[in-house]
Amino acid sequence: MPPYVLLSCLLGGVYGTLFHLWRGKTLRDLIIYFLTGIIGFVAGQILGSLLGLNFFLLGPIHIVLATAASWVSLFLIQWLKPFPPSQPS
């Protein structure tokens, strides 16, 4: 596996874990945010490659765009996640 693929997965996973520490509650949330962080990072990397944006590169990684896409995807999934059922009083 090339080092940039490993770094991309690592950064996306770290972003997802940090988001879970801030907004998550359950183990299910951790798994969802971890995977969403990685998927968002990869989506940002693909978007940067397709658009040809070559600023703030770390090797072949579009670090700024991929980071932004990862965080946007984390906020989006948190917004789309259904609320837990309320407990009757």
Protein backbone atom coordinates (compact mmCIF):
# COMPACT_ATOMS: atom_id res chain seq x y z
CA MET A 1 0.00 0.00 0.00
CA PRO A 2 1.47 3.40 -0.95
CA PRO A 3 2.24 5.70 1.99
CA TYR A 4 -0.14 8.42 0.81
CA VAL A 5 -3.09 5.97 0.93
CA LEU A 6 -2.18 5.03 4.49
CA LEU A 7 -1.80 8.70 5.47
CA SER A 8 -5.18 9.52 3.91
CA CYS A 9 -6.90 6.75 5.86
CA LEU A 10 -5.10 7.76 9.02
CA LEU A 11 -6.05 11.45 8.73
CA GLY A 12 -9.66 10.67 7.85
CA GLY A 13 -9.88 8.27 10.78
CA VAL A 14 -8.35 10.82 13.16
CA TYR A 15 -10.84 13.46 12.03
CA GLY A 16 -13.71 11.02 12.57
CA THR A 17 -12.42 10.07 16.02
CA LEU A 18 -12.00 13.71 17.03
CA PHE A 19 -15.52 14.45 15.86
CA HIS A 20 -16.79 11.52 17.94
CA LEU A 21 -14.99 12.85 21.01
CA TRP A 22 -16.75 16.18 20.46
CA ARG A 23 -20.24 15.10 19.33
CA GLY A 24 -20.55 11.32 19.63
CA LYS A 25 -22.13 9.25 22.37
CA THR A 26 -22.09 5.57 21.49
CA LEU A 27 -19.82 2.99 19.93
CA ARG A 28 -22.13 3.05 16.89
CA ASP A 29 -21.45 6.79 16.55
CA LEU A 30 -17.70 6.15 16.68
CA ILE A 31 -17.89 3.63 13.83
CA ILE A 32 -20.11 5.91 11.75
CA TYR A 33 -17.90 8.98 12.27
CA PHE A 34 -14.68 7.02 11.73
CA LEU A 35 -15.85 5.68 8.37
CA THR A 36 -17.42 9.00 7.37
CA GLY A 37 -14.16 10.82 8.09
CA ILE A 38 -12.25 8.45 5.83
CA ILE A 39 -14.86 8.52 3.06
CA GLY A 40 -15.04 12.32 3.20
CA PHE A 41 -11.26 12.61 3.07
CA VAL A 42 -11.06 10.32 0.05
CA ALA A 43 -13.91 12.23 -1.64
CA GLY A 44 -12.03 15.50 -1.09
CA GLN A 45 -8.87 13.94 -2.48
CA ILE A 46 -10.72 12.77 -5.61
CA LEU A 47 -12.38 16.17 -6.00
CA GLY A 48 -9.03 17.93 -5.74
CA SER A 49 -7.51 15.63 -8.33
CA LEU A 50 -10.44 16.04 -10.74
CA LEU A 51 -10.47 19.82 -10.43
CA GLY A 52 -6.70 20.03 -10.72
CA LEU A 53 -6.29 22.17 -7.61
CA ASN A 54 -2.61 22.01 -6.78
CA PHE A 55 -2.22 24.15 -3.68
CA PHE A 56 -1.24 22.93 -0.23
CA LEU A 57 -0.20 19.49 -1.41
CA LEU A 58 1.47 17.01 0.91
CA GLY A 59 3.01 14.74 -1.68
CA PRO A 60 0.05 13.72 -3.85
CA ILE A 61 -2.49 14.50 -1.09
CA HIS A 62 -4.67 17.59 -1.43
CA ILE A 63 -4.50 18.15 2.32
CA VAL A 64 -6.68 21.28 2.65
CA LEU A 65 -9.45 20.22 0.31
CA ALA A 66 -9.53 16.66 1.66
CA THR A 67 -9.60 17.90 5.26
CA ALA A 68 -12.42 20.33 4.48
CA ALA A 69 -14.40 17.62 2.70
CA SER A 70 -13.90 15.26 5.62
CA TRP A 71 -15.22 17.78 8.16
CA VAL A 72 -18.13 18.78 5.92
CA SER A 73 -19.09 15.13 5.54
CA LEU A 74 -18.89 14.64 9.32
CA PHE A 75 -21.19 17.59 9.99
CA LEU A 76 -23.52 16.41 7.24
CA ILE A 77 -23.80 12.87 8.60
CA GLN A 78 -24.36 14.24 12.11
CA TRP A 79 -27.16 16.43 10.75
CA LEU A 80 -28.70 13.49 8.83
CA LYS A 81 -28.42 11.04 11.72
CA PRO A 82 -31.87 10.41 13.23
CA PHE A 83 -32.56 11.58 16.75
CA PRO A 84 -32.84 8.85 19.36
CA PRO A 85 -36.41 8.08 20.44
CA SER A 86 -37.48 10.16 23.40
CA GLN A 87 -38.20 8.43 26.67
CA PRO A 88 -41.73 8.90 28.05
CA SER A 89 -41.78 10.73 31.38
